[in-house]
PDB file of N, CA and C in Angstrom:
ATOM      1  N   MET A   1      26.942 121.464 160.618  1.00  0.00           N
ATOM      2  CA  MET A   1      27.915 121.739 159.120  1.00  0.00           C
ATOM      3  C   MET A   1      29.257 120.661 158.874  1.00  0.00           C
ATOM      4  N   ASP A   2      29.406 120.331 157.404  1.00  0.00           N
ATOM      5  CA  ASP A   2      30.358 119.420 157.989  1.00  0.00           C
ATOM      6  C   ASP A   2      31.710 120.119 156.990  1.00  0.00           C
ATOM      7  N   PHE A   3      32.168 120.309 157.424  1.00  0.00           N
ATOM      8  CA  PHE A   3      32.773 120.269 157.399  1.00  0.00           C
ATOM      9  C   PHE A   3      34.790 119.819 156.348  1.00  0.00           C
ATOM     10  N   ASN A   4      34.368 118.218 156.154  1.00  0.00           N
ATOM     11  CA  ASN A   4      35.280 117.372 156.022  1.00  0.00           C
ATOM     12  C   ASN A   4      35.150 117.398 153.840  1.00  0.00           C
ATOM     13  N   PHE A   5      34.306 118.637 153.735  1.00  0.00           N
ATOM     14  CA  PHE A   5      34.595 118.417 151.691  1.00  0.00           C
ATOM     15  C   PHE A   5      35.685 119.163 151.778  1.00  0.00           C
ATOM     16  N   HIS A   6      36.502 120.526 152.118  1.00  0.00           N
ATOM     17  CA  HIS A   6      37.088 121.364 152.039  1.00  0.00           C
ATOM     18  C   HIS A   6      38.252 121.552 152.858  1.00  0.00           C
ATOM     19  N   PRO A   7      39.421 122.252 153.410  1.00  0.00           N
ATOM     20  CA  PRO A   7      39.881 123.152 153.851  1.00  0.00           C
ATOM     21  C   PRO A   7      38.915 124.425 154.900  1.00  0.00           C
ATOM     22  N   VAL A   8      39.019 124.207 156.247  1.00  0.00           N
ATOM     23  CA  VAL A   8      38.349 125.273 157.142  1.00  0.00           C
ATOM     24  C   VAL A   8      39.059 126.447 157.045  1.00  0.00           C
ATOM     25  N   THR A   9      38.882 127.439 156.951  1.00  0.00           N
ATOM     26  CA  THR A   9      39.097 128.702 156.685  1.00  0.00           C
ATOM     27  C   THR A   9      38.771 129.791 157.806  1.00  0.00           C
ATOM     28  N   ASP A  10      39.694 130.271 158.002  1.00  0.00           N
ATOM     29  CA  ASP A  10      38.960 131.424 158.603  1.00  0.00           C
ATOM     30  C   ASP A  10      37.579 132.238 158.526  1.00  0.00           C
ATOM     31  N   GLU A  11      37.214 132.240 158.168  1.00  0.00           N
ATOM     32  CA  GLU A  11      35.649 132.550 157.829  1.00  0.00           C
ATOM     33  C   GLU A  11      35.161 131.495 158.227  1.00  0.00           C
ATOM     34  N   ASP A  12      34.924 130.492 158.068  1.00  0.00           N
ATOM     35  CA  ASP A  12      34.649 129.012 158.547  1.00  0.00           C
ATOM     36  C   ASP A  12      34.214 129.254 160.263  1.00  0.00           C
ATOM     37  N   LEU A  13      35.829 128.860 160.925  1.00  0.00           N
ATOM     38  CA  LEU A  13      35.715 129.428 162.167  1.00  0.00           C
ATOM     39  C   LEU A  13      35.428 130.453 162.692  1.00  0.00           C
ATOM     40  N   GLU A  14      35.036 131.741 162.041  1.00  0.00           N
ATOM     41  CA  GLU A  14      34.251 133.586 162.084  1.00  0.00           C
ATOM     42  C   GLU A  14      32.742 132.980 162.469  1.00  0.00           C
ATOM     43  N   LEU A  15      32.364 131.836 161.599  1.00  0.00           N
ATOM     44  CA  LEU A  15      31.374 131.656 161.658  1.00  0.00           C
ATOM     45  C   LEU A  15      30.499 130.553 162.570  1.00  0.00           C
ATOM     46  N   TYR A  16      31.617 129.217 162.702  1.00  0.00           N
ATOM     47  CA  TYR A  16      30.331 128.969 163.836  1.00  0.00           C
ATOM     48  C   TYR A  16      30.876 129.124 165.002  1.00  0.00           C
ATOM     49  N   ARG A  17      32.707 129.655 165.295  1.00  0.00           N
ATOM     50  CA  ARG A  17      32.012 130.890 166.686  1.00  0.00           C
ATOM     51  C   ARG A  17      30.907 131.174 166.648  1.00  0.00           C
ATOM     52  N   GLU A  18      30.335 132.703 165.796  1.00  0.00           N
ATOM     53  CA  GLU A  18      28.931 133.377 165.894  1.00  0.00           C
ATOM     54  C   GLU A  18      27.676 132.764 166.394  1.00  0.00           C
ATOM     55  N   ASN A  19      28.154 131.006 165.517  1.00  0.00           N
ATOM     56  CA  ASN A  19      26.519 130.503 165.798  1.00  0.00           C
ATOM     57  C   ASN A  19      26.376 129.180 166.862  1.00  0.00           C
ATOM     58  N   ALA A  20      28.399 129.423 167.147  1.00  0.00           N
ATOM     59  CA  ALA A  20      27.731 128.315 168.885  1.00  0.00           C
ATOM     60  C   ALA A  20      27.493 129.248 169.752  1.00  0.00           C
ATOM     61  N   HIS A  21      28.038 130.537 169.567  1.00  0.00           N
ATOM     62  CA  HIS A  21      27.889 131.879 170.856  1.00  0.00           C
ATOM     63  C   HIS A  21      26.392 132.641 170.610  1.00  0.00           C
ATOM     64  N   GLY A  22      25.716 132.421 169.836  1.00  0.00           N
ATOM     65  CA  GLY A  22      24.555 132.399 169.926  1.00  0.00           C
ATOM     66  C   GLY A  22      23.094 131.605 170.153  1.00  0.00           C
ATOM     67  N   ILE A  23      23.860 130.042 170.138  1.00  0.00           N
ATOM     68  CA  ILE A  23      22.993 129.249 170.362  1.00  0.00           C
ATOM     69  C   ILE A  23      22.945 128.605 171.609  1.00  0.00           C
ATOM     70  N   ALA A  24      24.234 129.214 172.644  1.00  0.00           N
ATOM     71  CA  ALA A  24      24.450 129.468 174.043  1.00  0.00           C
ATOM     72  C   ALA A  24      23.433 130.352 174.465  1.00  0.00           C
ATOM     73  N   GLN A  25      23.408 131.137 174.180  1.00  0.00           N
ATOM     74  CA  GLN A  25      22.897 132.246 174.457  1.00  0.00           C
ATOM     75  C   GLN A  25      21.443 132.099 174.512  1.00  0.00           C
ATOM     76  N   ASN A  26      20.852 132.020 172.861  1.00  0.00           N
ATOM     77  CA  ASN A  26      19.219 130.628 173.041  1.00  0.00           C
ATOM     78  C   ASN A  26      19.148 129.907 174.224  1.00  0.00           C
ATOM     79  N   VAL A  27      19.417 129.328 173.862  1.00  0.00           N
ATOM     80  CA  VAL A  27      19.718 128.264 175.507  1.00  0.00           C
ATOM     81  C   VAL A  27      19.896 129.159 176.713  1.00  0.00           C
ATOM     82  N   ARG A  28      20.320 129.781 177.091  1.00  0.00           N
ATOM     83  CA  ARG A  28      20.469 130.454 178.578  1.00  0.00           C
ATOM     84  C   ARG A  28      19.209 130.624 177.890  1.00  0.00           C
ATOM     85  N   GLU A  29      18.410 131.909 177.305  1.00  0.00           N
ATOM     86  CA  GLU A  29      17.823 132.340 177.774  1.00  0.00           C
ATOM     87  C   GLU A  29      16.227 131.649 177.396  1.00  0.00           C
ATOM     88  N   THR A  30      16.197 129.932 176.562  1.00  0.00           N
ATOM     89  CA  THR A  30      14.987 129.644 177.417  1.00  0.00           C
ATOM     90  C   THR A  30      14.495 128.931 178.335  1.00  0.00           C
ATOM     91  N   PHE A  31      16.064 128.899 179.088  1.00  0.00           N
ATOM     92  CA  PHE A  31      16.392 128.127 179.944  1.00  0.00           C
ATOM     93  C   PHE A  31      16.753 128.073 181.589  1.00  0.00           C
ATOM     94  N   PRO A  32      16.518 129.421 181.840  1.00  0.00           N
ATOM     95  CA  PRO A  32      17.520 129.658 182.750  1.00  0.00           C
ATOM     96  C   PRO A  32      18.247 129.341 183.793  1.00  0.00           C
ATOM     97  N   SER A  33      17.846 127.971 183.860  1.00  0.00           N
ATOM     98  CA  SER A  33      18.302 127.204 185.184  1.00  0.00           C
ATOM     99  C   SER A  33      19.827 126.633 185.134  1.00  0.00           C
ATOM    100  N   ILE A  34      20.585 126.999 183.455  1.00  0.00           N
ATOM    101  CA  ILE A  34      21.495 126.448 183.230  1.00  0.00           C
ATOM    102  C   ILE A  34      22.705 127.725 183.223  1.00  0.00           C
ATOM    103  N   PRO A  35      23.364 126.713 183.618  1.00  0.00           N
ATOM    104  CA  PRO A  35      24.910 127.574 184.273  1.00  0.00           C
ATOM    105  C   PRO A  35      25.562 128.067 182.804  1.00  0.00           C
ATOM    106  N   ALA A  36      26.026 129.700 182.863  1.00  0.00           N
ATOM    107  CA  ALA A  36      25.621 131.297 182.096  1.00  0.00           C
ATOM    108  C   ALA A  36      27.488 130.426 181.165  1.00  0.00           C
ATOM    109  N   ASP A  37      28.243 129.125 181.549  1.00  0.00           N
ATOM    110  CA  ASP A  37      29.500 128.769 181.348  1.00  0.00           C
ATOM    111  C   ASP A  37      29.050 127.482 180.213  1.00  0.00           C
ATOM    112  N   PHE A  38      27.915 127.116 180.205  1.00  0.00           N
ATOM    113  CA  PHE A  38      27.190 126.459 179.382  1.00  0.00           C
ATOM    114  C   PHE A  38      28.384 126.100 177.836  1.00  0.00           C
TER     115      PHE A  38
END
């Protein structure tokens, strides 16, 4: 995602946090050897 073209809102940050969390969780489920604090 590219936030260069408009100010970052709380909603943007919330979406980003949800996505980042979901991605980390998917990675852990796919590769159990990756540490939980990835």
